[in-house]
């Protein structure tokens, strides 16, 4: 079940529902805490962050996470790090979807999410869009580069 919150706090980020719990400019250390919900099969491109580590803490369901040469499945209550400079991605494996926190520091990833998302019309997953068209994928990659993120490979199959 997707998290409930005010619609102004929620975004449809590609094929996920994201709720910002802590914004990078709310404290002195620049931490962002994003609560995400995604359906089975959701997987971003293999990517790396130039300046931020990306921490995943699973609340419900399972994520298969690849970081560098390591691939593991993490479930509820488990945490894994996608270190800056190391290619990483994840795939939602659980049939009912997954619910997780993404924590970063510095604001680059948070600004990227804002740049490519749209306000959630309701507190549920966005309508299924399938894979992006080539021009959409190019625009997404360009926006990522502007925020210190580089796409370096395909999503997990």
N, C-alpha and C. Protein backbone atom coordinates (compact mmCIF):
# COMPACT_ATOMS: atom_id res chain seq x y z
N UNK A 1 0.84 -1.18 0.00
CA UNK A 1 0.00 0.00 0.00
C UNK A 1 0.88 1.24 0.00
N UNK A 2 0.67 2.18 -0.93
CA UNK A 2 1.49 3.39 -0.96
C UNK A 2 1.33 4.21 0.32
N UNK A 3 2.36 4.99 0.66
CA UNK A 3 2.28 5.82 1.86
C UNK A 3 1.25 6.93 1.68
N UNK A 4 0.58 7.29 2.74
CA UNK A 4 -0.40 8.37 2.70
C UNK A 4 0.26 9.65 3.19
N UNK A 5 0.06 10.73 2.46
CA UNK A 5 0.58 12.04 2.84
C UNK A 5 -0.13 13.09 2.00
N UNK A 6 0.07 14.33 2.33
CA UNK A 6 -0.52 15.42 1.56
C UNK A 6 -0.03 15.33 0.12
N UNK A 7 -0.92 15.55 -0.83
CA UNK A 7 -0.57 15.41 -2.24
C UNK A 7 0.53 16.39 -2.65
N UNK A 8 0.65 17.52 -1.99
CA UNK A 8 1.70 18.48 -2.34
C UNK A 8 3.08 17.95 -2.00
N UNK A 9 3.17 16.97 -1.12
CA UNK A 9 4.45 16.38 -0.74
C UNK A 9 4.81 15.18 -1.61
N UNK A 10 3.92 14.78 -2.49
CA UNK A 10 4.13 13.56 -3.26
C UNK A 10 4.33 13.87 -4.73
N UNK A 11 5.25 13.09 -5.33
CA UNK A 11 5.55 13.24 -6.75
C UNK A 11 5.48 11.89 -7.44
N UNK A 12 5.12 11.92 -8.71
CA UNK A 12 5.27 10.75 -9.55
C UNK A 12 6.62 10.89 -10.23
N UNK A 13 7.57 10.08 -9.79
CA UNK A 13 8.94 10.08 -10.29
C UNK A 13 9.09 8.87 -11.20
N UNK A 14 9.03 9.11 -12.48
CA UNK A 14 9.02 8.06 -13.50
C UNK A 14 7.87 7.11 -13.17
N UNK A 15 8.16 5.87 -12.73
CA UNK A 15 7.09 4.91 -12.42
C UNK A 15 6.93 4.65 -10.93
N UNK A 16 7.37 5.59 -10.09
CA UNK A 16 7.25 5.42 -8.65
C UNK A 16 6.51 6.60 -8.02
N UNK A 17 6.03 6.38 -6.83
CA UNK A 17 5.44 7.43 -6.01
C UNK A 17 6.47 7.80 -4.95
N UNK A 18 6.85 9.07 -4.88
CA UNK A 18 7.87 9.53 -3.94
C UNK A 18 7.27 10.59 -3.02
N UNK A 19 7.51 10.41 -1.73
CA UNK A 19 7.10 11.40 -0.72
C UNK A 19 8.36 11.90 -0.04
N UNK A 20 8.56 13.21 -0.03
CA UNK A 20 9.73 13.78 0.65
C UNK A 20 9.43 13.88 2.13
N UNK A 21 10.24 13.19 2.93
CA UNK A 21 10.08 13.22 4.39
C UNK A 21 11.01 14.24 5.03
N UNK A 22 12.21 14.40 4.47
CA UNK A 22 13.16 15.42 4.91
C UNK A 22 13.81 15.97 3.64
N UNK A 23 13.78 17.28 3.48
CA UNK A 23 14.42 17.91 2.32
C UNK A 23 15.84 18.34 2.69
N UNK A 24 16.71 18.36 1.69
CA UNK A 24 18.13 18.63 1.95
C UNK A 24 18.38 19.99 2.58
N UNK A 25 17.49 20.95 2.39
CA UNK A 25 17.70 22.29 2.93
C UNK A 25 17.05 22.50 4.31
N UNK A 26 16.51 21.45 4.90
CA UNK A 26 15.87 21.57 6.21
C UNK A 26 16.86 21.50 7.37
N UNK A 27 18.03 20.98 7.14
CA UNK A 27 19.04 20.88 8.20
C UNK A 27 20.39 21.31 7.69
N UNK A 28 21.33 21.40 8.57
CA UNK A 28 22.67 21.86 8.20
C UNK A 28 23.48 20.84 7.41
N UNK A 29 23.18 19.56 7.55
CA UNK A 29 23.98 18.52 6.90
C UNK A 29 23.50 18.13 5.51
N UNK A 30 22.38 18.66 5.06
CA UNK A 30 21.92 18.43 3.69
C UNK A 30 21.37 17.05 3.40
N UNK A 31 20.80 16.37 4.40
CA UNK A 31 20.22 15.05 4.17
C UNK A 31 18.86 15.15 3.51
N UNK A 32 18.60 14.25 2.57
CA UNK A 32 17.28 14.07 1.98
C UNK A 32 16.79 12.68 2.35
N UNK A 33 15.54 12.60 2.76
CA UNK A 33 14.91 11.32 3.02
C UNK A 33 13.66 11.26 2.15
N UNK A 34 13.66 10.32 1.21
CA UNK A 34 12.55 10.14 0.29
C UNK A 34 11.93 8.77 0.52
N UNK A 35 10.63 8.74 0.67
CA UNK A 35 9.90 7.49 0.83
C UNK A 35 9.33 7.14 -0.54
N UNK A 36 9.63 5.93 -1.01
CA UNK A 36 9.23 5.52 -2.35
C UNK A 36 8.40 4.26 -2.33
N UNK A 37 7.51 4.17 -3.32
CA UNK A 37 6.72 2.97 -3.54
C UNK A 37 6.79 2.66 -5.02
N UNK A 38 7.10 1.41 -5.36
CA UNK A 38 7.17 1.00 -6.76
C UNK A 38 6.58 -0.37 -6.95
N UNK A 39 6.08 -0.60 -8.15
CA UNK A 39 5.48 -1.89 -8.52
C UNK A 39 6.56 -2.89 -8.90
N UNK A 40 6.21 -4.16 -8.88
CA UNK A 40 7.13 -5.21 -9.29
C UNK A 40 7.69 -4.89 -10.68
N UNK A 41 9.00 -5.07 -10.81
CA UNK A 41 9.65 -4.85 -12.11
C UNK A 41 10.25 -3.47 -12.29
N UNK A 42 9.88 -2.50 -11.45
CA UNK A 42 10.45 -1.16 -11.58
C UNK A 42 11.96 -1.23 -11.35
N UNK A 43 12.72 -0.63 -12.27
CA UNK A 43 14.18 -0.63 -12.17
C UNK A 43 14.73 0.57 -12.94
N UNK A 44 15.46 1.45 -12.26
CA UNK A 44 16.09 2.56 -12.98
C UNK A 44 17.33 2.07 -13.73
N UNK A 45 17.82 2.87 -14.67
CA UNK A 45 19.06 2.49 -15.35
C UNK A 45 20.21 2.36 -14.35
N UNK A 46 21.18 1.54 -14.70
CA UNK A 46 22.41 1.47 -13.91
C UNK A 46 23.02 2.88 -13.96
N UNK A 47 23.35 3.41 -12.80
CA UNK A 47 23.81 4.80 -12.74
C UNK A 47 24.80 4.97 -11.60
N UNK A 48 25.47 6.12 -11.61
CA UNK A 48 26.34 6.46 -10.49
C UNK A 48 26.14 7.93 -10.16
N UNK A 49 26.37 8.23 -8.90
CA UNK A 49 26.29 9.60 -8.40
C UNK A 49 27.71 10.11 -8.23
N UNK A 50 27.99 11.30 -8.75
CA UNK A 50 29.33 11.88 -8.63
C UNK A 50 29.64 12.31 -7.20
N UNK A 51 28.63 12.83 -6.47
CA UNK A 51 28.92 13.47 -5.18
C UNK A 51 28.13 12.93 -3.99
N UNK A 52 27.23 11.99 -4.21
CA UNK A 52 26.37 11.53 -3.11
C UNK A 52 26.35 10.01 -3.04
N UNK A 53 26.42 9.49 -1.81
CA UNK A 53 26.07 8.09 -1.58
C UNK A 53 24.55 8.01 -1.64
N UNK A 54 24.03 6.83 -1.98
CA UNK A 54 22.57 6.61 -2.00
C UNK A 54 22.29 5.38 -1.15
N UNK A 55 21.58 5.59 -0.05
CA UNK A 55 21.26 4.52 0.89
C UNK A 55 19.81 4.10 0.69
N UNK A 56 19.57 2.80 0.63
CA UNK A 56 18.22 2.24 0.50
C UNK A 56 17.89 1.47 1.77
N UNK A 57 16.75 1.79 2.38
CA UNK A 57 16.26 1.04 3.53
C UNK A 57 14.86 0.54 3.17
N UNK A 58 14.70 -0.77 3.09
CA UNK A 58 13.43 -1.37 2.66
C UNK A 58 12.47 -1.44 3.84
N UNK A 59 11.26 -0.92 3.62
CA UNK A 59 10.20 -0.95 4.62
C UNK A 59 9.28 -2.14 4.40
N UNK A 60 8.94 -2.42 3.14
CA UNK A 60 8.08 -3.55 2.77
C UNK A 60 8.52 -4.08 1.42
N UNK A 61 8.39 -5.38 1.23
CA UNK A 61 8.73 -5.98 -0.05
C UNK A 61 10.21 -6.28 -0.17
N UNK A 62 10.65 -6.49 -1.42
CA UNK A 62 12.04 -6.84 -1.69
C UNK A 62 12.57 -6.05 -2.87
N UNK A 63 13.82 -5.61 -2.74
CA UNK A 63 14.56 -4.99 -3.83
C UNK A 63 15.77 -5.85 -4.13
N UNK A 64 16.03 -6.10 -5.40
CA UNK A 64 17.30 -6.69 -5.81
C UNK A 64 18.19 -5.52 -6.17
N UNK A 65 19.33 -5.40 -5.51
CA UNK A 65 20.21 -4.25 -5.66
C UNK A 65 21.55 -4.70 -6.21
N UNK A 66 21.99 -4.00 -7.24
CA UNK A 66 23.33 -4.22 -7.79
C UNK A 66 24.16 -2.98 -7.49
N UNK A 67 25.31 -3.16 -6.88
CA UNK A 67 26.26 -2.07 -6.62
C UNK A 67 27.64 -2.60 -6.99
N UNK A 68 28.22 -2.04 -8.02
CA UNK A 68 29.50 -2.55 -8.51
C UNK A 68 29.30 -3.97 -9.02
N UNK A 69 30.12 -4.90 -8.53
CA UNK A 69 30.03 -6.31 -8.95
C UNK A 69 29.16 -7.14 -8.03
N UNK A 70 28.53 -6.50 -7.03
CA UNK A 70 27.73 -7.22 -6.05
C UNK A 70 26.25 -7.06 -6.35
N UNK A 71 25.52 -8.16 -6.26
CA UNK A 71 24.06 -8.13 -6.42
C UNK A 71 23.44 -8.92 -5.28
N UNK A 72 22.54 -8.27 -4.53
CA UNK A 72 21.89 -8.91 -3.39
C UNK A 72 20.41 -8.54 -3.40
N UNK A 73 19.62 -9.35 -2.72
CA UNK A 73 18.21 -9.03 -2.50
C UNK A 73 18.06 -8.60 -1.06
N UNK A 74 17.43 -7.44 -0.86
CA UNK A 74 17.20 -6.93 0.48
C UNK A 74 15.71 -6.83 0.72
N UNK A 75 15.30 -7.18 1.95
CA UNK A 75 13.90 -7.17 2.31
C UNK A 75 13.61 -6.22 3.45
N UNK A 76 12.39 -6.27 3.93
CA UNK A 76 11.94 -5.36 4.98
C UNK A 76 12.91 -5.35 6.16
N UNK A 77 13.29 -4.14 6.56
CA UNK A 77 14.20 -3.97 7.68
C UNK A 77 15.67 -3.98 7.30
N UNK A 78 15.98 -4.22 6.04
CA UNK A 78 17.37 -4.29 5.61
C UNK A 78 17.77 -3.01 4.87
N UNK A 79 19.06 -2.71 4.93
CA UNK A 79 19.61 -1.48 4.35
C UNK A 79 20.82 -1.82 3.50
N UNK A 80 20.98 -1.09 2.39
CA UNK A 80 22.16 -1.28 1.54
C UNK A 80 22.58 0.08 0.98
N UNK A 81 23.86 0.20 0.73
CA UNK A 81 24.43 1.46 0.27
C UNK A 81 24.85 1.35 -1.19
N UNK A 82 24.49 2.37 -1.97
CA UNK A 82 25.02 2.56 -3.32
C UNK A 82 26.05 3.68 -3.21
N UNK A 83 27.34 3.36 -3.05
CA UNK A 83 28.35 4.40 -2.82
C UNK A 83 28.51 5.33 -4.03
N UNK A 84 28.82 6.58 -3.75
CA UNK A 84 29.08 7.52 -4.84
C UNK A 84 30.24 7.00 -5.69
N UNK A 85 30.13 7.23 -6.99
CA UNK A 85 31.16 6.78 -7.91
C UNK A 85 31.08 5.32 -8.30
N UNK A 86 30.18 4.55 -7.67
CA UNK A 86 30.02 3.12 -7.97
C UNK A 86 28.69 2.91 -8.69
N UNK A 87 28.71 2.31 -9.89
CA UNK A 87 27.45 2.06 -10.59
C UNK A 87 26.52 1.18 -9.75
N UNK A 88 25.26 1.59 -9.67
CA UNK A 88 24.28 0.82 -8.90
C UNK A 88 22.88 1.02 -9.48
N UNK A 89 22.02 0.09 -9.15
CA UNK A 89 20.60 0.15 -9.51
C UNK A 89 19.86 -0.84 -8.63
N UNK A 90 18.55 -0.89 -8.79
CA UNK A 90 17.72 -1.84 -8.05
C UNK A 90 16.58 -2.29 -8.95
N UNK A 91 15.91 -3.35 -8.52
CA UNK A 91 14.69 -3.81 -9.19
C UNK A 91 13.74 -4.26 -8.11
N UNK A 92 12.48 -3.81 -8.19
CA UNK A 92 11.46 -4.28 -7.26
C UNK A 92 11.12 -5.71 -7.64
N UNK A 93 11.32 -6.64 -6.70
CA UNK A 93 11.10 -8.06 -6.97
C UNK A 93 9.78 -8.59 -6.41
N UNK A 94 9.26 -8.00 -5.38
CA UNK A 94 8.07 -8.55 -4.72
C UNK A 94 6.81 -8.28 -5.56
N UNK A 95 5.94 -9.30 -5.69
CA UNK A 95 4.72 -9.17 -6.51
C UNK A 95 3.81 -8.01 -6.09
N UNK A 96 3.77 -7.71 -4.81
CA UNK A 96 2.91 -6.63 -4.33
C UNK A 96 3.61 -5.26 -4.37
N UNK A 97 4.80 -5.21 -4.95
CA UNK A 97 5.56 -3.97 -4.98
C UNK A 97 6.46 -3.85 -3.77
N UNK A 98 7.11 -2.73 -3.66
CA UNK A 98 8.01 -2.49 -2.52
C UNK A 98 7.88 -1.05 -2.08
N UNK A 99 8.25 -0.83 -0.84
CA UNK A 99 8.15 0.46 -0.17
C UNK A 99 9.48 0.64 0.54
N UNK A 100 10.20 1.74 0.24
CA UNK A 100 11.53 1.91 0.79
C UNK A 100 11.86 3.38 0.99
N UNK A 101 12.90 3.62 1.78
CA UNK A 101 13.44 4.95 1.97
C UNK A 101 14.72 5.06 1.15
N UNK A 102 14.92 6.22 0.54
CA UNK A 102 16.18 6.55 -0.12
C UNK A 102 16.74 7.75 0.62
N UNK A 103 17.98 7.63 1.07
CA UNK A 103 18.61 8.71 1.83
C UNK A 103 19.89 9.13 1.11
N UNK A 104 20.00 10.42 0.85
CA UNK A 104 21.18 10.99 0.22
C UNK A 104 21.59 12.24 1.00
N UNK A 105 22.73 12.80 0.63
CA UNK A 105 23.21 14.00 1.31
C UNK A 105 23.81 14.94 0.28
N UNK A 106 23.34 16.17 0.26
CA UNK A 106 23.88 17.17 -0.64
C UNK A 106 22.84 17.82 -1.54
N UNK A 107 21.77 17.12 -1.82
CA UNK A 107 20.67 17.70 -2.59
C UNK A 107 20.66 17.41 -4.07
N UNK A 108 21.73 16.85 -4.64
CA UNK A 108 21.73 16.59 -6.08
C UNK A 108 20.61 15.65 -6.50
N UNK A 109 20.50 14.50 -5.83
CA UNK A 109 19.47 13.54 -6.21
C UNK A 109 18.08 14.12 -5.97
N UNK A 110 17.89 14.81 -4.86
CA UNK A 110 16.59 15.42 -4.57
C UNK A 110 16.21 16.42 -5.68
N UNK A 111 17.14 17.25 -6.09
CA UNK A 111 16.86 18.22 -7.16
C UNK A 111 16.55 17.51 -8.48
N UNK A 112 17.24 16.40 -8.76
CA UNK A 112 16.96 15.61 -9.96
C UNK A 112 15.53 15.07 -9.92
N UNK A 113 15.14 14.50 -8.79
CA UNK A 113 13.78 13.96 -8.66
C UNK A 113 12.76 15.06 -8.92
N UNK A 114 12.96 16.23 -8.33
CA UNK A 114 12.04 17.34 -8.57
C UNK A 114 12.02 17.76 -10.04
N UNK A 115 13.18 17.76 -10.69
CA UNK A 115 13.28 18.23 -12.07
C UNK A 115 12.53 17.36 -13.06
N UNK A 116 12.45 16.06 -12.79
CA UNK A 116 11.87 15.14 -13.78
C UNK A 116 10.52 14.55 -13.34
N UNK A 117 10.01 14.98 -12.21
CA UNK A 117 8.76 14.43 -11.68
C UNK A 117 7.60 15.37 -11.94
N UNK A 118 6.42 14.86 -11.66
CA UNK A 118 5.22 15.69 -11.69
C UNK A 118 4.45 15.44 -10.40
N UNK A 119 3.66 16.43 -9.95
CA UNK A 119 2.89 16.22 -8.72
C UNK A 119 1.98 14.99 -8.86
N UNK A 120 1.93 14.19 -7.81
CA UNK A 120 1.04 13.01 -7.82
C UNK A 120 -0.40 13.50 -7.73
N UNK A 121 -1.21 13.03 -8.62
CA UNK A 121 -2.62 13.42 -8.64
C UNK A 121 -3.40 12.76 -7.51
N UNK A 122 -2.87 11.66 -7.02
CA UNK A 122 -3.48 10.92 -5.91
C UNK A 122 -2.38 10.08 -5.27
N UNK A 123 -2.55 9.66 -4.01
CA UNK A 123 -1.48 8.93 -3.31
C UNK A 123 -1.40 7.46 -3.73
N UNK A 124 -1.09 7.25 -5.00
CA UNK A 124 -0.92 5.90 -5.54
C UNK A 124 0.07 5.97 -6.68
N UNK A 125 0.44 4.81 -7.19
CA UNK A 125 1.41 4.77 -8.28
C UNK A 125 0.86 5.51 -9.51
N UNK A 126 1.76 6.08 -10.31
CA UNK A 126 1.32 6.74 -11.54
C UNK A 126 0.78 5.70 -12.52
N UNK A 127 -0.04 6.15 -13.46
CA UNK A 127 -0.49 5.22 -14.51
C UNK A 127 0.73 4.62 -15.21
N UNK A 128 0.66 3.33 -15.51
CA UNK A 128 1.78 2.65 -16.17
C UNK A 128 2.13 3.30 -17.49
N UNK A 129 3.41 3.55 -17.69
CA UNK A 129 3.85 4.21 -18.92
C UNK A 129 4.75 3.33 -19.76
N UNK A 130 5.22 2.23 -19.20
CA UNK A 130 6.16 1.39 -19.93
C UNK A 130 7.50 2.07 -20.06
N UNK A 131 8.38 1.47 -20.84
CA UNK A 131 9.71 2.07 -21.00
C UNK A 131 9.61 3.42 -21.71
N UNK A 132 10.51 4.35 -21.39
CA UNK A 132 10.45 5.65 -22.05
C UNK A 132 10.83 5.55 -23.52
N UNK A 133 10.25 6.43 -24.33
CA UNK A 133 10.64 6.55 -25.73
C UNK A 133 12.08 7.06 -25.77
N UNK A 134 12.80 6.84 -26.87
CA UNK A 134 14.21 7.26 -26.93
C UNK A 134 14.42 8.74 -26.59
N UNK A 135 13.57 9.62 -27.05
CA UNK A 135 13.74 11.04 -26.73
C UNK A 135 13.49 11.31 -25.26
N UNK A 136 12.57 10.57 -24.64
CA UNK A 136 12.32 10.71 -23.19
C UNK A 136 13.53 10.20 -22.40
N UNK A 137 14.09 9.08 -22.82
CA UNK A 137 15.27 8.52 -22.15
C UNK A 137 16.45 9.49 -22.26
N UNK A 138 16.62 10.11 -23.44
CA UNK A 138 17.71 11.08 -23.61
C UNK A 138 17.51 12.29 -22.70
N UNK A 139 16.27 12.78 -22.59
CA UNK A 139 15.98 13.93 -21.73
C UNK A 139 16.21 13.58 -20.26
N UNK A 140 15.83 12.37 -19.86
CA UNK A 140 16.05 11.92 -18.48
C UNK A 140 17.55 11.84 -18.18
N UNK A 141 18.32 11.28 -19.11
CA UNK A 141 19.77 11.17 -18.92
C UNK A 141 20.42 12.55 -18.85
N UNK A 142 19.95 13.49 -19.68
CA UNK A 142 20.50 14.85 -19.66
C UNK A 142 20.21 15.53 -18.32
N UNK A 143 18.98 15.36 -17.82
CA UNK A 143 18.62 15.94 -16.52
C UNK A 143 19.46 15.32 -15.42
N UNK A 144 19.69 14.02 -15.50
CA UNK A 144 20.52 13.34 -14.50
C UNK A 144 21.94 13.94 -14.50
N UNK A 145 22.52 14.11 -15.69
CA UNK A 145 23.88 14.67 -15.78
C UNK A 145 23.95 16.05 -15.15
N UNK A 146 22.91 16.85 -15.33
CA UNK A 146 22.87 18.19 -14.74
C UNK A 146 22.91 18.15 -13.21
N UNK A 147 22.56 17.00 -12.64
CA UNK A 147 22.51 16.86 -11.18
C UNK A 147 23.56 15.87 -10.66
N UNK A 148 24.63 15.67 -11.43
CA UNK A 148 25.74 14.85 -10.96
C UNK A 148 25.48 13.36 -10.98
N UNK A 149 24.55 12.92 -11.85
CA UNK A 149 24.22 11.49 -11.96
C UNK A 149 24.47 11.05 -13.39
N UNK A 150 25.15 9.95 -13.57
CA UNK A 150 25.46 9.46 -14.90
C UNK A 150 24.84 8.08 -15.11
N UNK A 151 24.06 7.93 -16.18
CA UNK A 151 23.52 6.63 -16.55
C UNK A 151 24.63 5.86 -17.28
N UNK A 152 24.92 4.64 -16.81
CA UNK A 152 26.03 3.88 -17.36
C UNK A 152 25.63 2.49 -17.86
N UNK A 153 24.34 2.17 -17.78
CA UNK A 153 23.89 0.86 -18.24
C UNK A 153 22.39 0.72 -18.13
N UNK A 154 21.88 -0.43 -18.54
CA UNK A 154 20.44 -0.64 -18.54
C UNK A 154 19.89 -0.97 -17.13
N UNK A 155 18.58 -0.90 -17.00
CA UNK A 155 17.94 -1.38 -15.76
C UNK A 155 18.19 -2.88 -15.59
N UNK A 156 17.91 -3.39 -14.40
CA UNK A 156 18.00 -4.84 -14.16
C UNK A 156 16.81 -5.52 -14.84
N UNK A 157 17.09 -6.64 -15.48
CA UNK A 157 16.03 -7.40 -16.16
C UNK A 157 15.41 -8.39 -15.20
